[in-house]
């Protein structure tokens, strides 16, 4: 490691050493010739109970940060509520409580999987400039944070159609990271139907469904999708891009939206 790399590492460790998402532990490290006692950083995971008002919804394991965003994003991305239903999110120790009107809380009994070929909400005329994709990919390649130190997190982001980053959030789970950026959008009254969800993780059915329920028209990931993920994207007009790395990417669906400008 050269001096520049060491300075960068020391700066990052100082920046993140007080972060609630990781802690330092003692380790025994082995290589081919010897062993040594060192200290290393690992991610912190916590367990939470998610409620809509007083109704229990789900047990969750997540990084202990951006919990309001997690609660709001989860109930949207899993089809329990619409953004306008959410009045507030409260954190009470290990409880994440999404507050709605009493009439809205009945909707939590009608969870939607949105695999109904309803393409009406998702504007097929929406266009994604090719330069936007490359701008996002450049950002992806330079993300630093908890994962850079621990290797133990996923990240997700929201971008606009010009390739401007709106928010980036990390979590130990790729699903949680997506929920948190969706929740950020919802809690900040950001219109999601012209945004791009960017992810470090694979895009199977369960991940693509989050974009469908949040009415996000496009996904870019550095990882691949699956047959069911691609099928769901096709059924709901989701532009789905995987293997977005350096100067290449794979379009699984929605290539007609990508334009050169």
C-alpha atoms as a PDB file:
ATOM      1  CA  UNK A   1       0.000   0.000   0.000  1.00  0.00           C
ATOM      2  CA  UNK A   2       1.473   3.354  -1.030  1.00  0.00           C
ATOM      3  CA  UNK A   3       1.333   6.527   1.063  1.00  0.00           C
ATOM      4  CA  UNK A   4      -1.675   7.900  -0.822  1.00  0.00           C
ATOM      5  CA  UNK A   5      -3.671   4.705  -0.195  1.00  0.00           C
ATOM      6  CA  UNK A   6      -2.701   4.786   3.487  1.00  0.00           C
ATOM      7  CA  UNK A   7      -3.789   8.401   3.837  1.00  0.00           C
ATOM      8  CA  UNK A   8      -7.112   7.593   2.168  1.00  0.00           C
ATOM      9  CA  UNK A   9      -7.668   4.575   4.434  1.00  0.00           C
ATOM     10  CA  UNK A  10      -6.819   6.543   7.573  1.00  0.00           C
ATOM     11  CA  UNK A  11      -9.169   9.354   6.525  1.00  0.00           C
ATOM     12  CA  UNK A  12     -12.018   6.908   5.875  1.00  0.00           C
ATOM     13  CA  UNK A  13     -11.514   5.086   9.156  1.00  0.00           C
ATOM     14  CA  UNK A  14     -11.525   8.382  11.045  1.00  0.00           C
ATOM     15  CA  UNK A  15     -14.650   9.443   9.175  1.00  0.00           C
ATOM     16  CA  UNK A  16     -16.532   6.234   9.893  1.00  0.00           C
ATOM     17  CA  UNK A  17     -15.109   5.129  13.246  1.00  0.00           C
ATOM     18  CA  UNK A  18     -17.985   6.644  15.194  1.00  0.00           C
ATOM     19  CA  UNK A  19     -20.647   5.386  12.792  1.00  0.00           C
ATOM     20  CA  UNK A  20     -23.507   3.400  14.331  1.00  0.00           C
ATOM     21  CA  UNK A  21     -23.363   0.862  11.496  1.00  0.00           C
ATOM     22  CA  UNK A  22     -20.073  -0.811  12.426  1.00  0.00           C
ATOM     23  CA  UNK A  23     -17.831  -1.719  15.331  1.00  0.00           C
ATOM     24  CA  UNK A  24     -14.231  -2.738  15.856  1.00  0.00           C
ATOM     25  CA  UNK A  25     -13.378  -6.272  17.004  1.00  0.00           C
ATOM     26  CA  UNK A  26     -10.177  -8.213  17.637  1.00  0.00           C
ATOM     27  CA  UNK A  27      -9.310 -10.815  15.007  1.00  0.00           C
ATOM     28  CA  UNK A  28      -6.684 -13.432  14.222  1.00  0.00           C
ATOM     29  CA  UNK A  29      -5.582 -13.104  10.616  1.00  0.00           C
ATOM     30  CA  UNK A  30      -3.861 -15.875   8.678  1.00  0.00           C
ATOM     31  CA  UNK A  31      -1.993 -15.779   5.415  1.00  0.00           C
ATOM     32  CA  UNK A  32       0.163 -18.410   3.714  1.00  0.00           C
ATOM     33  CA  UNK A  33       3.162 -17.910   5.984  1.00  0.00           C
ATOM     34  CA  UNK A  34       2.035 -16.538   9.317  1.00  0.00           C
ATOM     35  CA  UNK A  35      -0.754 -15.358  11.585  1.00  0.00           C
ATOM     36  CA  UNK A  36      -1.205 -12.078  13.410  1.00  0.00           C
ATOM     37  CA  UNK A  37      -3.581 -10.477  15.883  1.00  0.00           C
ATOM     38  CA  UNK A  38      -5.321  -7.416  14.481  1.00  0.00           C
ATOM     39  CA  UNK A  39      -8.403  -5.284  14.818  1.00  0.00           C
ATOM     40  CA  UNK A  40     -11.066  -5.197  12.134  1.00  0.00           C
ATOM     41  CA  UNK A  41     -14.403  -3.510  11.515  1.00  0.00           C
ATOM     42  CA  UNK A  42     -17.626  -5.510  11.189  1.00  0.00           C
ATOM     43  CA  UNK A  43     -21.172  -4.380  10.454  1.00  0.00           C
ATOM     44  CA  UNK A  44     -23.714  -4.037  13.225  1.00  0.00           C
ATOM     45  CA  UNK A  45     -27.065  -5.757  12.759  1.00  0.00           C
ATOM     46  CA  UNK A  46     -30.161  -5.211  14.865  1.00  0.00           C
ATOM     47  CA  UNK A  47     -33.645  -6.728  14.984  1.00  0.00           C
ATOM     48  CA  UNK A  48     -36.783  -4.635  14.667  1.00  0.00           C
ATOM     49  CA  UNK A  49     -40.542  -5.137  14.706  1.00  0.00           C
ATOM     50  CA  UNK A  50     -42.462  -3.243  12.036  1.00  0.00           C
ATOM     51  CA  UNK A  51     -46.000  -2.018  12.731  1.00  0.00           C
ATOM     52  CA  UNK A  52     -48.651  -0.142  10.816  1.00  0.00           C
ATOM     53  CA  UNK A  53     -50.336   1.725  13.654  1.00  0.00           C
ATOM     54  CA  UNK A  54     -50.851  -1.052  16.224  1.00  0.00           C
ATOM     55  CA  UNK A  55     -50.838  -3.912  13.732  1.00  0.00           C
ATOM     56  CA  UNK A  56     -47.690  -6.075  13.639  1.00  0.00           C
ATOM     57  CA  UNK A  57     -46.381  -6.518  10.085  1.00  0.00           C
ATOM     58  CA  UNK A  58     -42.897  -8.028  10.026  1.00  0.00           C
ATOM     59  CA  UNK A  59     -39.739  -8.858  11.961  1.00  0.00           C
ATOM     60  CA  UNK A  60     -36.761  -7.193  10.303  1.00  0.00           C
ATOM     61  CA  UNK A  61     -32.986  -7.472  10.583  1.00  0.00           C
ATOM     62  CA  UNK A  62     -31.237  -4.328   9.432  1.00  0.00           C
ATOM     63  CA  UNK A  63     -28.446  -1.837   9.983  1.00  0.00           C
ATOM     64  CA  UNK A  64     -29.379   0.528  12.847  1.00  0.00           C
ATOM     65  CA  UNK A  65     -29.639   3.674  10.760  1.00  0.00           C
ATOM     66  CA  UNK A  66     -32.264   5.366   8.547  1.00  0.00           C
ATOM     67  CA  UNK A  67     -35.006   3.396  10.314  1.00  0.00           C
ATOM     68  CA  UNK A  68     -37.847   5.776   9.494  1.00  0.00           C
ATOM     69  CA  UNK A  69     -36.925   5.429   5.844  1.00  0.00           C
ATOM     70  CA  UNK A  70     -36.837   1.644   6.222  1.00  0.00           C
ATOM     71  CA  UNK A  71     -40.346   1.525   7.663  1.00  0.00           C
ATOM     72  CA  UNK A  72     -41.856   3.858   5.100  1.00  0.00           C
ATOM     73  CA  UNK A  73     -40.088   2.191   2.202  1.00  0.00           C
ATOM     74  CA  UNK A  74     -41.017  -1.331   3.250  1.00  0.00           C
ATOM     75  CA  UNK A  75     -44.747  -0.713   3.512  1.00  0.00           C
ATOM     76  CA  UNK A  76     -44.684   0.905   0.062  1.00  0.00           C
ATOM     77  CA  UNK A  77     -42.363  -1.542  -1.694  1.00  0.00           C
ATOM     78  CA  UNK A  78     -44.211  -4.558  -0.314  1.00  0.00           C
ATOM     79  CA  UNK A  79     -47.588  -3.184  -1.357  1.00  0.00           C
ATOM     80  CA  UNK A  80     -49.161  -2.540   2.052  1.00  0.00           C
ATOM     81  CA  UNK A  81     -49.750   1.197   1.569  1.00  0.00           C
ATOM     82  CA  UNK A  82     -49.547   4.036  -0.937  1.00  0.00           C
ATOM     83  CA  UNK A  83     -47.264   7.027  -0.228  1.00  0.00           C
ATOM     84  CA  UNK A  84     -50.180   9.330   0.540  1.00  0.00           C
ATOM     85  CA  UNK A  85     -51.342   6.929   3.282  1.00  0.00           C
ATOM     86  CA  UNK A  86     -48.253   7.528   5.437  1.00  0.00           C
ATOM     87  CA  UNK A  87     -48.691  10.297   7.993  1.00  0.00           C
ATOM     88  CA  UNK A  88     -45.511   9.723  10.018  1.00  0.00           C
ATOM     89  CA  UNK A  89     -43.020   7.084  11.170  1.00  0.00           C
ATOM     90  CA  UNK A  90     -42.094   6.652  14.844  1.00  0.00           C
ATOM     91  CA  UNK A  91     -39.127   4.753  16.270  1.00  0.00           C
ATOM     92  CA  UNK A  92     -39.707   3.328  19.735  1.00  0.00           C
ATOM     93  CA  UNK A  93     -36.688   1.269  20.807  1.00  0.00           C
ATOM     94  CA  UNK A  94     -36.852  -1.798  18.531  1.00  0.00           C
ATOM     95  CA  UNK A  95     -40.237  -0.879  17.069  1.00  0.00           C
ATOM     96  CA  UNK A  96     -40.710   0.901  13.749  1.00  0.00           C
ATOM     97  CA  UNK A  97     -44.264   2.240  13.666  1.00  0.00           C
ATOM     98  CA  UNK A  98     -45.742   3.592  10.439  1.00  0.00           C
ATOM     99  CA  UNK A  99     -48.602   5.943  11.275  1.00  0.00           C
ATOM    100  CA  UNK A 100     -51.655   6.140   9.006  1.00  0.00           C
ATOM    101  CA  UNK A 101     -55.252   7.224   9.338  1.00  0.00           C
ATOM    102  CA  UNK A 102     -57.354   4.474  10.849  1.00  0.00           C
ATOM    103  CA  UNK A 103     -59.177   4.020   7.551  1.00  0.00           C
ATOM    104  CA  UNK A 104     -55.856   3.561   5.747  1.00  0.00           C
ATOM    105  CA  UNK A 105     -54.680   0.902   8.186  1.00  0.00           C
ATOM    106  CA  UNK A 106     -57.278  -1.473   6.759  1.00  0.00           C
ATOM    107  CA  UNK A 107     -55.277  -1.508   3.535  1.00  0.00           C
ATOM    108  CA  UNK A 108     -52.515  -3.444   5.293  1.00  0.00           C
ATOM    109  CA  UNK A 109     -54.791  -6.482   5.079  1.00  0.00           C
ATOM    110  CA  UNK A 110     -54.678  -6.266   1.287  1.00  0.00           C
ATOM    111  CA  UNK A 111     -50.995  -6.559   0.496  1.00  0.00           C
ATOM    112  CA  UNK A 112     -50.363  -6.208  -3.239  1.00  0.00           C
ATOM    113  CA  UNK A 113     -47.834  -8.166  -5.268  1.00  0.00           C
ATOM    114  CA  UNK A 114     -48.550  -6.059  -8.375  1.00  0.00           C
ATOM    115  CA  UNK A 115     -47.964  -8.912 -10.818  1.00  0.00           C
ATOM    116  CA  UNK A 116     -51.109  -8.130 -12.753  1.00  0.00           C
ATOM    117  CA  UNK A 117     -49.722  -6.844 -16.063  1.00  0.00           C
ATOM    118  CA  UNK A 118     -51.058  -3.366 -15.233  1.00  0.00           C
ATOM    119  CA  UNK A 119     -48.761  -1.132 -17.251  1.00  0.00           C
ATOM    120  CA  UNK A 120     -50.967   1.939 -17.170  1.00  0.00           C
ATOM    121  CA  UNK A 121     -49.120   3.786 -14.387  1.00  0.00           C
ATOM    122  CA  UNK A 122     -45.667   3.356 -15.878  1.00  0.00           C
ATOM    123  CA  UNK A 123     -45.150   5.717 -18.807  1.00  0.00           C
ATOM    124  CA  UNK A 124     -43.591   3.761 -21.678  1.00  0.00           C
ATOM    125  CA  UNK A 125     -42.778   7.120 -23.343  1.00  0.00           C
ATOM    126  CA  UNK A 126     -40.271   7.917 -20.598  1.00  0.00           C
ATOM    127  CA  UNK A 127     -36.757   8.092 -22.050  1.00  0.00           C
ATOM    128  CA  UNK A 128     -33.415   7.424 -20.359  1.00  0.00           C
ATOM    129  CA  UNK A 129     -30.425   9.077 -22.053  1.00  0.00           C
ATOM    130  CA  UNK A 130     -27.475   6.769 -22.584  1.00  0.00           C
ATOM    131  CA  UNK A 131     -25.212   9.386 -21.030  1.00  0.00           C
ATOM    132  CA  UNK A 132     -27.345   9.194 -17.866  1.00  0.00           C
ATOM    133  CA  UNK A 133     -26.632   5.482 -17.563  1.00  0.00           C
ATOM    134  CA  UNK A 134     -22.890   6.000 -17.949  1.00  0.00           C
ATOM    135  CA  UNK A 135     -22.950   8.885 -15.476  1.00  0.00           C
ATOM    136  CA  UNK A 136     -24.678   6.648 -12.930  1.00  0.00           C
ATOM    137  CA  UNK A 137     -22.222   3.825 -13.600  1.00  0.00           C
ATOM    138  CA  UNK A 138     -19.310   6.175 -12.950  1.00  0.00           C
ATOM    139  CA  UNK A 139     -20.886   7.111  -9.626  1.00  0.00           C
ATOM    140  CA  UNK A 140     -21.408   3.435  -8.787  1.00  0.00           C
ATOM    141  CA  UNK A 141     -17.747   2.655  -9.376  1.00  0.00           C
ATOM    142  CA  UNK A 142     -16.673   5.347  -6.918  1.00  0.00           C
ATOM    143  CA  UNK A 143     -19.025   4.681  -4.003  1.00  0.00           C
ATOM    144  CA  UNK A 144     -17.173   4.588  -0.693  1.00  0.00           C
ATOM    145  CA  UNK A 145     -18.582   3.953   2.732  1.00  0.00           C
ATOM    146  CA  UNK A 146     -19.155   1.159   5.209  1.00  0.00           C
ATOM    147  CA  UNK A 147     -18.819  -1.548   2.558  1.00  0.00           C
ATOM    148  CA  UNK A 148     -15.394  -0.205   1.606  1.00  0.00           C
ATOM    149  CA  UNK A 149     -14.188  -0.833   5.164  1.00  0.00           C
ATOM    150  CA  UNK A 150     -16.138  -3.954   6.108  1.00  0.00           C
ATOM    151  CA  UNK A 151     -17.224  -5.570   2.852  1.00  0.00           C
ATOM    152  CA  UNK A 152     -20.461  -6.268   4.715  1.00  0.00           C
ATOM    153  CA  UNK A 153     -23.090  -3.934   3.258  1.00  0.00           C
ATOM    154  CA  UNK A 154     -25.149  -3.403   0.143  1.00  0.00           C
ATOM    155  CA  UNK A 155     -26.038   0.043  -1.127  1.00  0.00           C
ATOM    156  CA  UNK A 156     -28.927   1.528  -3.047  1.00  0.00           C
ATOM    157  CA  UNK A 157     -29.454   4.949  -4.615  1.00  0.00           C
ATOM    158  CA  UNK A 158     -32.086   7.118  -6.237  1.00  0.00           C
ATOM    159  CA  UNK A 159     -31.184   9.106  -9.353  1.00  0.00           C
ATOM    160  CA  UNK A 160     -33.089  11.443 -11.623  1.00  0.00           C
ATOM    161  CA  UNK A 161     -33.171  11.051 -15.396  1.00  0.00           C
ATOM    162  CA  UNK A 162     -30.229  13.413 -15.799  1.00  0.00           C
ATOM    163  CA  UNK A 163     -28.024  11.148 -13.698  1.00  0.00           C
ATOM    164  CA  UNK A 164     -28.060  13.334 -10.591  1.00  0.00           C
ATOM    165  CA  UNK A 165     -27.835  11.438  -7.311  1.00  0.00           C
ATOM    166  CA  UNK A 166     -30.680  12.097  -4.887  1.00  0.00           C
ATOM    167  CA  UNK A 167     -29.722   9.735  -2.050  1.00  0.00           C
ATOM    168  CA  UNK A 168     -27.404   6.793  -1.352  1.00  0.00           C
ATOM    169  CA  UNK A 169     -27.965   4.508   1.648  1.00  0.00           C
ATOM    170  CA  UNK A 170     -26.184   1.379   2.873  1.00  0.00           C
ATOM    171  CA  UNK A 171     -27.534  -1.585   4.813  1.00  0.00           C
ATOM    172  CA  UNK A 172     -26.482  -5.139   5.578  1.00  0.00           C
ATOM    173  CA  UNK A 173     -29.334  -6.298   3.311  1.00  0.00           C
ATOM    174  CA  UNK A 174     -29.882  -5.348  -0.311  1.00  0.00           C
ATOM    175  CA  UNK A 175     -33.656  -5.378   0.219  1.00  0.00           C
ATOM    176  CA  UNK A 176     -33.322  -3.005   3.179  1.00  0.00           C
ATOM    177  CA  UNK A 177     -31.093  -0.625   1.240  1.00  0.00           C
ATOM    178  CA  UNK A 178     -33.700  -0.413  -1.534  1.00  0.00           C
ATOM    179  CA  UNK A 179     -36.491   0.087   1.002  1.00  0.00           C
ATOM    180  CA  UNK A 180     -34.551   2.879   2.694  1.00  0.00           C
ATOM    181  CA  UNK A 181     -34.027   4.935  -0.462  1.00  0.00           C
ATOM    182  CA  UNK A 182     -37.665   4.391  -1.457  1.00  0.00           C
ATOM    183  CA  UNK A 183     -38.671   5.488   2.033  1.00  0.00           C
ATOM    184  CA  UNK A 184     -36.445   8.543   1.754  1.00  0.00           C
ATOM    185  CA  UNK A 185     -38.262   9.506  -1.412  1.00  0.00           C
ATOM    186  CA  UNK A 186     -41.671   8.980   0.149  1.00  0.00           C
ATOM    187  CA  UNK A 187     -40.899  10.891   3.354  1.00  0.00           C
ATOM    188  CA  UNK A 188     -39.469  13.802   1.367  1.00  0.00           C
ATOM    189  CA  UNK A 189     -42.382  13.964  -1.076  1.00  0.00           C
ATOM    190  CA  UNK A 190     -40.188  13.046  -4.036  1.00  0.00           C
ATOM    191  CA  UNK A 191     -42.071  11.859  -7.101  1.00  0.00           C
ATOM    192  CA  UNK A 192     -40.711   8.376  -7.832  1.00  0.00           C
ATOM    193  CA  UNK A 193     -42.329   7.713 -11.213  1.00  0.00           C
ATOM    194  CA  UNK A 194     -39.500   9.428 -13.099  1.00  0.00           C
ATOM    195  CA  UNK A 195     -36.597   8.194 -10.982  1.00  0.00           C
ATOM    196  CA  UNK A 196     -34.057   5.365 -11.290  1.00  0.00           C
ATOM    197  CA  UNK A 197     -33.429   2.853  -8.518  1.00  0.00           C
ATOM    198  CA  UNK A 198     -29.753   1.850  -8.395  1.00  0.00           C
ATOM    199  CA  UNK A 199     -28.581  -1.205  -6.471  1.00  0.00           C
ATOM    200  CA  UNK A 200     -25.486  -3.218  -5.686  1.00  0.00           C
ATOM    201  CA  UNK A 201     -27.466  -6.446  -5.373  1.00  0.00           C
ATOM    202  CA  UNK A 202     -29.049  -9.082  -7.572  1.00  0.00           C
ATOM    203  CA  UNK A 203     -32.483  -8.318  -8.992  1.00  0.00           C
ATOM    204  CA  UNK A 204     -34.724 -11.347  -8.518  1.00  0.00           C
ATOM    205  CA  UNK A 205     -38.511 -11.117  -8.373  1.00  0.00           C
ATOM    206  CA  UNK A 206     -38.578  -9.787  -4.793  1.00  0.00           C
ATOM    207  CA  UNK A 207     -36.293  -6.869  -5.650  1.00  0.00           C
ATOM    208  CA  UNK A 208     -37.997  -5.907  -8.914  1.00  0.00           C
ATOM    209  CA  UNK A 209     -41.340  -6.034  -7.088  1.00  0.00           C
ATOM    210  CA  UNK A 210     -40.150  -3.180  -4.864  1.00  0.00           C
ATOM    211  CA  UNK A 211     -39.729  -0.908  -7.880  1.00  0.00           C
ATOM    212  CA  UNK A 212     -43.102  -2.023  -9.247  1.00  0.00           C
ATOM    213  CA  UNK A 213     -44.955  -1.235  -6.023  1.00  0.00           C
ATOM    214  CA  UNK A 214     -43.088   2.070  -5.584  1.00  0.00           C
ATOM    215  CA  UNK A 215     -43.869   2.947  -9.232  1.00  0.00           C
ATOM    216  CA  UNK A 216     -40.212   3.445 -10.104  1.00  0.00           C
ATOM    217  CA  UNK A 217     -39.787   2.894 -13.866  1.00  0.00           C
ATOM    218  CA  UNK A 218     -36.125   1.839 -14.039  1.00  0.00           C
ATOM    219  CA  UNK A 219     -33.549  -0.226 -12.161  1.00  0.00           C
ATOM    220  CA  UNK A 220     -29.793  -0.244 -12.667  1.00  0.00           C
ATOM    221  CA  UNK A 221     -27.719  -2.826 -10.789  1.00  0.00           C
ATOM    222  CA  UNK A 222     -24.127  -3.960 -10.888  1.00  0.00           C
ATOM    223  CA  UNK A 223     -25.473  -7.515 -10.481  1.00  0.00           C
ATOM    224  CA  UNK A 224     -27.700  -9.757 -12.652  1.00  0.00           C
ATOM    225  CA  UNK A 225     -31.418 -10.426 -12.562  1.00  0.00           C
ATOM    226  CA  UNK A 226     -33.299 -13.751 -12.701  1.00  0.00           C
ATOM    227  CA  UNK A 227     -35.953 -15.188 -15.007  1.00  0.00           C
ATOM    228  CA  UNK A 228     -38.774 -14.215 -12.638  1.00  0.00           C
ATOM    229  CA  UNK A 229     -37.274 -10.773 -12.094  1.00  0.00           C
ATOM    230  CA  UNK A 230     -37.113 -10.161 -15.843  1.00  0.00           C
ATOM    231  CA  UNK A 231     -40.660 -11.487 -16.302  1.00  0.00           C
ATOM    232  CA  UNK A 232     -42.000  -9.112 -13.658  1.00  0.00           C
ATOM    233  CA  UNK A 233     -40.123  -6.206 -15.259  1.00  0.00           C
ATOM    234  CA  UNK A 234     -41.659  -7.049 -18.649  1.00  0.00           C
ATOM    235  CA  UNK A 235     -45.156  -7.287 -17.170  1.00  0.00           C
ATOM    236  CA  UNK A 236     -44.846  -3.843 -15.579  1.00  0.00           C
ATOM    237  CA  UNK A 237     -42.797  -1.786 -18.050  1.00  0.00           C
ATOM    238  CA  UNK A 238     -39.731  -1.649 -15.822  1.00  0.00           C
ATOM    239  CA  UNK A 239     -36.469  -0.867 -17.589  1.00  0.00           C
ATOM    240  CA  UNK A 240     -34.137  -3.409 -15.989  1.00  0.00           C
ATOM    241  CA  UNK A 241     -30.370  -3.094 -16.399  1.00  0.00           C
ATOM    242  CA  UNK A 242     -27.814  -5.409 -14.815  1.00  0.00           C
ATOM    243  CA  UNK A 243     -24.050  -5.984 -14.849  1.00  0.00           C
ATOM    244  CA  UNK A 244     -23.584  -2.192 -14.925  1.00  0.00           C
ATOM    245  CA  UNK A 245     -19.838  -2.075 -14.473  1.00  0.00           C
ATOM    246  CA  UNK A 246     -17.243   0.264 -15.933  1.00  0.00           C
ATOM    247  CA  UNK A 247     -18.192   0.714 -19.613  1.00  0.00           C
ATOM    248  CA  UNK A 248     -20.694  -2.117 -20.107  1.00  0.00           C
ATOM    249  CA  UNK A 249     -24.176  -3.121 -19.035  1.00  0.00           C
ATOM    250  CA  UNK A 250     -26.909  -5.615 -19.936  1.00  0.00           C
ATOM    251  CA  UNK A 251     -30.486  -4.527 -20.665  1.00  0.00           C
ATOM    252  CA  UNK A 252     -32.982  -7.227 -19.692  1.00  0.00           C
ATOM    253  CA  UNK A 253     -36.067  -5.164 -20.484  1.00  0.00           C
ATOM    254  CA  UNK A 254     -37.043  -1.690 -21.621  1.00  0.00           C
ATOM    255  CA  UNK A 255     -34.254  -1.066 -24.104  1.00  0.00           C
ATOM    256  CA  UNK A 256     -36.664   1.060 -26.198  1.00  0.00           C
ATOM    257  CA  UNK A 257     -36.476   3.722 -23.458  1.00  0.00           C
ATOM    258  CA  UNK A 258     -32.722   4.182 -23.827  1.00  0.00           C
ATOM    259  CA  UNK A 259     -31.831   6.984 -26.226  1.00  0.00           C
ATOM    260  CA  UNK A 260     -28.620   8.595 -27.432  1.00  0.00           C
ATOM    261  CA  UNK A 261     -28.512  12.348 -27.009  1.00  0.00           C
END
